[in-house]
Amino acid sequence: MAELFADTSGWGNLLDAAQPYHSLVVSIYRAARHEGRKVVTTNYIIAELIALMARPLRIPRPMVIAFVESLRTSPNVEIVHIDQDLDSQAWGLLKSRPDKEWSLTDCASFVVMKRRGILEALTTDHHFEQAGFVRLLK
């Protein structure tokens, strides 16, 4: 079964019902769980997500902690920890594409997705399309 990648904006839209893609993300996430698809993310994305939830979303800290804990303990979610090798590859990708405004987190995501053969991303970020992946939130 094909895995699904979740970016910061995907998690943010899932958590916050006021976000524009909330209903779509909920639908895709539920379908993925029903189909037994694993949702893959990274510790870099979790770090970004915590910052996003604090500001600008202003989600109360106990909700932030509960949501991240639910991701960390879910059998349907795998958090890939960016080690030195993945970080080096991500940094190399970032340096090799001065024509793009990709972040280091984006590049780490692209490296993980490529390594695992993941094509689809729960994201609003057009950078994923630039890198050759399918952006599901648009």
N, C-alpha and C. Protein backbone atom coordinates (compact mmCIF):
# COMPACT_ATOMS: atom_id res chain seq x y z
N MET A 1 0.85 -1.18 0.00
CA MET A 1 0.00 0.00 0.00
C MET A 1 0.90 1.24 0.00
N ALA A 2 0.61 2.17 -0.87
CA ALA A 2 1.39 3.39 -1.01
C ALA A 2 1.28 4.26 0.24
N GLU A 3 2.42 4.77 0.67
CA GLU A 3 2.42 5.68 1.82
C GLU A 3 2.03 7.09 1.37
N LEU A 4 1.64 7.90 2.33
CA LEU A 4 1.23 9.28 2.10
C LEU A 4 2.12 10.16 2.97
N PHE A 5 2.63 11.25 2.43
CA PHE A 5 3.47 12.16 3.20
C PHE A 5 2.64 13.32 3.72
N ALA A 6 2.86 13.72 4.97
CA ALA A 6 2.16 14.87 5.55
C ALA A 6 3.16 15.97 5.88
N ASP A 7 2.92 17.13 5.29
CA ASP A 7 3.74 18.32 5.51
C ASP A 7 3.10 19.16 6.62
N THR A 8 3.78 20.19 7.03
CA THR A 8 3.31 21.08 8.09
C THR A 8 1.92 21.63 7.80
N SER A 9 1.70 22.10 6.58
CA SER A 9 0.39 22.68 6.25
C SER A 9 -0.71 21.62 6.26
N GLY A 10 -0.38 20.40 5.95
CA GLY A 10 -1.36 19.32 6.01
C GLY A 10 -1.83 19.07 7.43
N TRP A 11 -0.86 18.97 8.35
CA TRP A 11 -1.21 18.77 9.76
C TRP A 11 -1.97 19.97 10.30
N GLY A 12 -1.53 21.17 9.95
CA GLY A 12 -2.20 22.38 10.43
C GLY A 12 -3.65 22.45 9.97
N ASN A 13 -3.89 22.08 8.72
CA ASN A 13 -5.26 22.06 8.20
C ASN A 13 -6.09 20.95 8.84
N LEU A 14 -5.46 19.85 9.21
CA LEU A 14 -6.18 18.77 9.88
C LEU A 14 -6.62 19.20 11.27
N LEU A 15 -5.73 19.84 11.98
CA LEU A 15 -6.00 20.21 13.37
C LEU A 15 -6.98 21.37 13.51
N ASP A 16 -6.85 22.37 12.67
CA ASP A 16 -7.61 23.61 12.84
C ASP A 16 -8.78 23.67 11.86
N ALA A 17 -9.99 23.53 12.38
CA ALA A 17 -11.21 23.52 11.55
C ALA A 17 -11.42 24.84 10.82
N ALA A 18 -10.75 25.91 11.24
CA ALA A 18 -10.90 27.20 10.57
C ALA A 18 -10.03 27.31 9.32
N GLN A 19 -9.16 26.35 9.09
CA GLN A 19 -8.27 26.40 7.93
C GLN A 19 -9.02 26.01 6.66
N PRO A 20 -8.61 26.58 5.52
CA PRO A 20 -9.38 26.41 4.28
C PRO A 20 -9.49 24.98 3.76
N TYR A 21 -8.52 24.13 4.06
CA TYR A 21 -8.54 22.76 3.53
C TYR A 21 -8.88 21.73 4.61
N HIS A 22 -9.43 22.18 5.71
CA HIS A 22 -9.72 21.27 6.82
C HIS A 22 -10.57 20.08 6.38
N SER A 23 -11.69 20.33 5.76
CA SER A 23 -12.60 19.24 5.36
C SER A 23 -11.92 18.27 4.39
N LEU A 24 -11.19 18.81 3.44
CA LEU A 24 -10.49 17.95 2.48
C LEU A 24 -9.45 17.09 3.17
N VAL A 25 -8.66 17.69 4.07
CA VAL A 25 -7.63 16.92 4.79
C VAL A 25 -8.27 15.83 5.63
N VAL A 26 -9.34 16.17 6.33
CA VAL A 26 -10.03 15.17 7.15
C VAL A 26 -10.46 13.99 6.28
N SER A 27 -11.03 14.29 5.13
CA SER A 27 -11.49 13.25 4.22
C SER A 27 -10.33 12.38 3.73
N ILE A 28 -9.26 13.00 3.29
CA ILE A 28 -8.09 12.25 2.79
C ILE A 28 -7.46 11.43 3.91
N TYR A 29 -7.32 12.03 5.09
CA TYR A 29 -6.69 11.35 6.22
C TYR A 29 -7.51 10.13 6.64
N ARG A 30 -8.82 10.30 6.73
CA ARG A 30 -9.70 9.18 7.10
C ARG A 30 -9.62 8.06 6.06
N ALA A 31 -9.64 8.44 4.79
CA ALA A 31 -9.54 7.44 3.72
C ALA A 31 -8.22 6.69 3.80
N ALA A 32 -7.14 7.40 4.05
CA ALA A 32 -5.82 6.76 4.17
C ALA A 32 -5.81 5.76 5.32
N ARG A 33 -6.36 6.16 6.45
CA ARG A 33 -6.43 5.24 7.60
C ARG A 33 -7.28 4.03 7.27
N HIS A 34 -8.42 4.26 6.63
CA HIS A 34 -9.33 3.17 6.27
C HIS A 34 -8.65 2.19 5.31
N GLU A 35 -7.84 2.71 4.40
CA GLU A 35 -7.14 1.90 3.41
C GLU A 35 -5.86 1.27 3.97
N GLY A 36 -5.51 1.61 5.20
CA GLY A 36 -4.30 1.08 5.81
C GLY A 36 -3.03 1.74 5.32
N ARG A 37 -3.15 2.93 4.75
CA ARG A 37 -1.97 3.66 4.28
C ARG A 37 -1.28 4.34 5.46
N LYS A 38 0.01 4.18 5.54
CA LYS A 38 0.79 4.86 6.57
C LYS A 38 1.00 6.31 6.15
N VAL A 39 0.88 7.21 7.12
CA VAL A 39 1.15 8.63 6.88
C VAL A 39 2.54 8.91 7.45
N VAL A 40 3.42 9.37 6.59
CA VAL A 40 4.83 9.61 6.95
C VAL A 40 5.05 11.11 7.08
N THR A 41 5.80 11.50 8.10
CA THR A 41 6.19 12.89 8.30
C THR A 41 7.60 12.87 8.88
N THR A 42 8.14 14.03 9.22
CA THR A 42 9.49 14.07 9.80
C THR A 42 9.50 14.88 11.09
N ASN A 43 10.55 14.69 11.85
CA ASN A 43 10.71 15.49 13.07
C ASN A 43 10.92 16.97 12.74
N TYR A 44 11.47 17.28 11.56
CA TYR A 44 11.59 18.68 11.15
C TYR A 44 10.20 19.29 10.98
N ILE A 45 9.30 18.53 10.38
CA ILE A 45 7.93 19.01 10.19
C ILE A 45 7.23 19.18 11.53
N ILE A 46 7.44 18.27 12.44
CA ILE A 46 6.83 18.39 13.77
C ILE A 46 7.33 19.67 14.45
N ALA A 47 8.61 19.98 14.31
CA ALA A 47 9.14 21.22 14.89
C ALA A 47 8.48 22.44 14.26
N GLU A 48 8.33 22.44 12.94
CA GLU A 48 7.63 23.54 12.26
C GLU A 48 6.17 23.62 12.71
N LEU A 49 5.54 22.46 12.85
CA LEU A 49 4.13 22.41 13.23
C LEU A 49 3.90 23.02 14.60
N ILE A 50 4.76 22.73 15.54
CA ILE A 50 4.62 23.29 16.89
C ILE A 50 4.71 24.82 16.83
N ALA A 51 5.64 25.33 16.03
CA ALA A 51 5.75 26.79 15.87
C ALA A 51 4.51 27.37 15.19
N LEU A 52 4.00 26.70 14.15
CA LEU A 52 2.80 27.15 13.44
C LEU A 52 1.59 27.20 14.38
N MET A 53 1.45 26.16 15.18
CA MET A 53 0.30 26.10 16.06
C MET A 53 0.35 27.18 17.14
N ALA A 54 1.55 27.51 17.58
CA ALA A 54 1.69 28.57 18.59
C ALA A 54 1.36 29.93 17.97
N ARG A 55 1.97 30.21 16.83
CA ARG A 55 1.72 31.44 16.06
C ARG A 55 1.95 31.10 14.62
N PRO A 56 1.07 31.38 13.74
CA PRO A 56 -0.05 32.29 13.83
C PRO A 56 -1.38 31.66 14.26
N LEU A 57 -1.46 30.33 14.36
CA LEU A 57 -2.75 29.71 14.66
C LEU A 57 -3.24 29.95 16.09
N ARG A 58 -2.32 30.22 17.00
CA ARG A 58 -2.65 30.50 18.41
C ARG A 58 -3.49 29.39 19.06
N ILE A 59 -3.09 28.17 18.80
CA ILE A 59 -3.75 27.02 19.42
C ILE A 59 -3.17 26.86 20.82
N PRO A 60 -4.03 26.68 21.82
CA PRO A 60 -3.54 26.55 23.20
C PRO A 60 -2.53 25.41 23.34
N ARG A 61 -1.52 25.66 24.14
CA ARG A 61 -0.41 24.71 24.32
C ARG A 61 -0.88 23.30 24.68
N PRO A 62 -1.85 23.12 25.57
CA PRO A 62 -2.29 21.75 25.86
C PRO A 62 -2.84 21.03 24.63
N MET A 63 -3.51 21.76 23.73
CA MET A 63 -4.00 21.14 22.50
C MET A 63 -2.84 20.79 21.57
N VAL A 64 -1.84 21.64 21.52
CA VAL A 64 -0.65 21.38 20.70
C VAL A 64 0.01 20.09 21.18
N ILE A 65 0.23 20.00 22.47
CA ILE A 65 0.90 18.82 23.04
C ILE A 65 0.06 17.56 22.79
N ALA A 66 -1.25 17.65 23.00
CA ALA A 66 -2.12 16.50 22.79
C ALA A 66 -2.09 16.05 21.33
N PHE A 67 -2.13 17.01 20.40
CA PHE A 67 -2.12 16.66 18.99
C PHE A 67 -0.81 15.99 18.60
N VAL A 68 0.31 16.58 19.00
CA VAL A 68 1.61 16.00 18.65
C VAL A 68 1.77 14.63 19.31
N GLU A 69 1.32 14.49 20.54
CA GLU A 69 1.36 13.17 21.21
C GLU A 69 0.54 12.15 20.43
N SER A 70 -0.62 12.57 19.90
CA SER A 70 -1.45 11.64 19.13
C SER A 70 -0.72 11.19 17.86
N LEU A 71 0.05 12.09 17.25
CA LEU A 71 0.84 11.71 16.08
C LEU A 71 1.96 10.76 16.47
N ARG A 72 2.62 11.08 17.57
CA ARG A 72 3.77 10.27 18.02
C ARG A 72 3.38 8.85 18.40
N THR A 73 2.15 8.66 18.85
CA THR A 73 1.73 7.34 19.33
C THR A 73 0.82 6.60 18.34
N SER A 74 0.45 7.25 17.25
CA SER A 74 -0.46 6.62 16.29
C SER A 74 0.23 5.50 15.53
N PRO A 75 -0.42 4.35 15.42
CA PRO A 75 0.15 3.27 14.60
C PRO A 75 0.06 3.58 13.10
N ASN A 76 -0.71 4.60 12.74
CA ASN A 76 -0.88 4.98 11.33
C ASN A 76 0.09 6.06 10.88
N VAL A 77 0.85 6.62 11.81
CA VAL A 77 1.76 7.72 11.50
C VAL A 77 3.18 7.29 11.83
N GLU A 78 4.09 7.56 10.92
CA GLU A 78 5.51 7.32 11.17
C GLU A 78 6.25 8.64 11.07
N ILE A 79 6.96 8.97 12.13
CA ILE A 79 7.77 10.19 12.14
C ILE A 79 9.22 9.77 11.86
N VAL A 80 9.70 10.16 10.70
CA VAL A 80 11.09 9.87 10.32
C VAL A 80 11.97 10.92 10.97
N HIS A 81 12.97 10.47 11.70
CA HIS A 81 13.91 11.41 12.33
C HIS A 81 15.05 11.69 11.36
N ILE A 82 15.24 12.95 11.08
CA ILE A 82 16.28 13.36 10.15
C ILE A 82 17.63 13.22 10.84
N ASP A 83 18.39 12.24 10.39
CA ASP A 83 19.71 12.00 10.96
C ASP A 83 20.76 12.77 10.14
N GLN A 84 22.01 12.56 10.47
CA GLN A 84 23.08 13.30 9.81
C GLN A 84 23.11 13.03 8.30
N ASP A 85 22.89 11.79 7.90
CA ASP A 85 22.91 11.45 6.48
C ASP A 85 21.77 12.14 5.72
N LEU A 86 20.55 12.05 6.25
CA LEU A 86 19.40 12.71 5.61
C LEU A 86 19.58 14.22 5.58
N ASP A 87 20.10 14.77 6.68
CA ASP A 87 20.33 16.21 6.73
C ASP A 87 21.36 16.64 5.69
N SER A 88 22.41 15.85 5.53
CA SER A 88 23.43 16.16 4.53
C SER A 88 22.86 16.12 3.12
N GLN A 89 22.01 15.13 2.84
CA GLN A 89 21.38 15.05 1.53
C GLN A 89 20.43 16.23 1.30
N ALA A 90 19.67 16.57 2.35
CA ALA A 90 18.75 17.71 2.24
C ALA A 90 19.54 19.01 2.02
N TRP A 91 20.62 19.18 2.74
CA TRP A 91 21.45 20.37 2.58
C TRP A 91 22.03 20.43 1.17
N GLY A 92 22.47 19.29 0.66
CA GLY A 92 23.00 19.23 -0.70
C GLY A 92 21.95 19.61 -1.73
N LEU A 93 20.71 19.13 -1.53
CA LEU A 93 19.62 19.49 -2.44
C LEU A 93 19.33 20.98 -2.37
N LEU A 94 19.29 21.52 -1.17
CA LEU A 94 19.04 22.95 -0.99
C LEU A 94 20.10 23.78 -1.74
N LYS A 95 21.37 23.41 -1.59
CA LYS A 95 22.46 24.14 -2.25
C LYS A 95 22.43 23.99 -3.76
N SER A 96 21.96 22.85 -4.24
CA SER A 96 21.97 22.58 -5.67
C SER A 96 20.84 23.25 -6.42
N ARG A 97 19.87 23.83 -5.70
CA ARG A 97 18.71 24.45 -6.35
C ARG A 97 18.55 25.91 -5.92
N PRO A 98 19.52 26.77 -6.26
CA PRO A 98 19.41 28.18 -5.89
C PRO A 98 18.26 28.90 -6.60
N ASP A 99 17.71 28.25 -7.63
CA ASP A 99 16.58 28.83 -8.36
C ASP A 99 15.25 28.64 -7.62
N LYS A 100 15.25 27.85 -6.55
CA LYS A 100 14.03 27.55 -5.80
C LYS A 100 14.10 28.19 -4.40
N GLU A 101 12.94 28.45 -3.85
CA GLU A 101 12.86 29.01 -2.50
C GLU A 101 12.53 27.91 -1.48
N TRP A 102 13.04 26.73 -1.72
CA TRP A 102 12.79 25.60 -0.84
C TRP A 102 13.49 25.78 0.49
N SER A 103 12.82 25.38 1.56
CA SER A 103 13.44 25.41 2.89
C SER A 103 14.21 24.11 3.11
N LEU A 104 15.01 24.08 4.16
CA LEU A 104 15.71 22.85 4.51
C LEU A 104 14.70 21.76 4.87
N THR A 105 13.61 22.15 5.53
CA THR A 105 12.56 21.18 5.86
C THR A 105 11.95 20.61 4.58
N ASP A 106 11.67 21.47 3.60
CA ASP A 106 11.17 20.99 2.30
C ASP A 106 12.13 19.97 1.72
N CYS A 107 13.40 20.32 1.67
CA CYS A 107 14.39 19.44 1.05
C CYS A 107 14.51 18.11 1.79
N ALA A 108 14.45 18.15 3.10
CA ALA A 108 14.47 16.90 3.87
C ALA A 108 13.24 16.06 3.54
N SER A 109 12.10 16.71 3.39
CA SER A 109 10.87 16.00 3.02
C SER A 109 11.03 15.34 1.65
N PHE A 110 11.59 16.07 0.70
CA PHE A 110 11.76 15.54 -0.65
C PHE A 110 12.70 14.33 -0.65
N VAL A 111 13.77 14.40 0.15
CA VAL A 111 14.71 13.28 0.23
C VAL A 111 14.01 12.06 0.81
N VAL A 112 13.26 12.25 1.88
CA VAL A 112 12.53 11.14 2.50
C VAL A 112 11.52 10.55 1.52
N MET A 113 10.76 11.42 0.85
CA MET A 113 9.75 10.94 -0.09
C MET A 113 10.39 10.15 -1.23
N LYS A 114 11.48 10.66 -1.75
CA LYS A 114 12.16 9.97 -2.85
C LYS A 114 12.69 8.61 -2.40
N ARG A 115 13.33 8.57 -1.24
CA ARG A 115 13.87 7.32 -0.71
C ARG A 115 12.79 6.26 -0.54
N ARG A 116 11.60 6.69 -0.12
CA ARG A 116 10.53 5.75 0.20
C ARG A 116 9.56 5.54 -0.95
N GLY A 117 9.76 6.26 -2.05
CA GLY A 117 8.88 6.11 -3.20
C GLY A 117 7.49 6.70 -2.97
N ILE A 118 7.41 7.73 -2.14
CA ILE A 118 6.13 8.38 -1.85
C ILE A 118 5.89 9.47 -2.90
N LEU A 119 4.71 9.46 -3.49
CA LEU A 119 4.40 10.43 -4.55
C LEU A 119 3.47 11.54 -4.09
N GLU A 120 2.59 11.26 -3.12
CA GLU A 120 1.55 12.22 -2.72
C GLU A 120 1.86 12.85 -1.37
N ALA A 121 1.55 14.16 -1.29
CA ALA A 121 1.79 14.88 -0.04
C ALA A 121 0.54 15.65 0.38
N LEU A 122 0.19 15.53 1.64
CA LEU A 122 -0.83 16.36 2.26
C LEU A 122 -0.18 17.70 2.53
N THR A 123 -0.30 18.60 1.59
CA THR A 123 0.34 19.91 1.71
C THR A 123 -0.35 20.92 0.80
N THR A 124 -0.22 22.17 1.18
CA THR A 124 -0.64 23.27 0.32
C THR A 124 0.57 23.89 -0.39
N ASP A 125 1.74 23.42 -0.06
CA ASP A 125 3.00 24.01 -0.52
C ASP A 125 3.31 23.60 -1.97
N HIS A 126 3.32 24.58 -2.86
CA HIS A 126 3.60 24.31 -4.28
C HIS A 126 5.03 23.83 -4.52
N HIS A 127 5.90 23.96 -3.54
CA HIS A 127 7.27 23.48 -3.69
C HIS A 127 7.30 21.96 -3.93
N PHE A 128 6.32 21.26 -3.37
CA PHE A 128 6.26 19.81 -3.57
C PHE A 128 6.02 19.50 -5.05
N GLU A 129 5.18 20.28 -5.70
CA GLU A 129 4.95 20.10 -7.13
C GLU A 129 6.21 20.43 -7.92
N GLN A 130 6.91 21.47 -7.53
CA GLN A 130 8.17 21.83 -8.19
C GLN A 130 9.16 20.69 -8.12
N ALA A 131 9.12 19.94 -7.03
CA ALA A 131 10.04 18.83 -6.83
C ALA A 131 9.55 17.53 -7.48
N GLY A 132 8.36 17.58 -8.12
CA GLY A 132 7.87 16.42 -8.84
C GLY A 132 6.88 15.55 -8.10
N PHE A 133 6.35 16.04 -6.98
CA PHE A 133 5.38 15.28 -6.19
C PHE A 133 3.98 15.83 -6.41
N VAL A 134 2.99 15.08 -5.93
CA VAL A 134 1.60 15.47 -6.08
C VAL A 134 1.14 16.19 -4.81
N ARG A 135 0.73 17.44 -4.95
CA ARG A 135 0.20 18.23 -3.83
C ARG A 135 -1.31 17.96 -3.78
N LEU A 136 -1.78 17.42 -2.68
CA LEU A 136 -3.19 17.04 -2.57
C LEU A 136 -4.10 18.17 -2.11
N LEU A 137 -3.55 19.26 -1.59
CA LEU A 137 -4.37 20.35 -1.07
C LEU A 137 -4.21 21.58 -1.95
N LYS A 138 -5.16 21.73 -2.88
CA LYS A 138 -5.13 22.92 -3.75
C LYS A 138 -6.51 23.20 -4.26
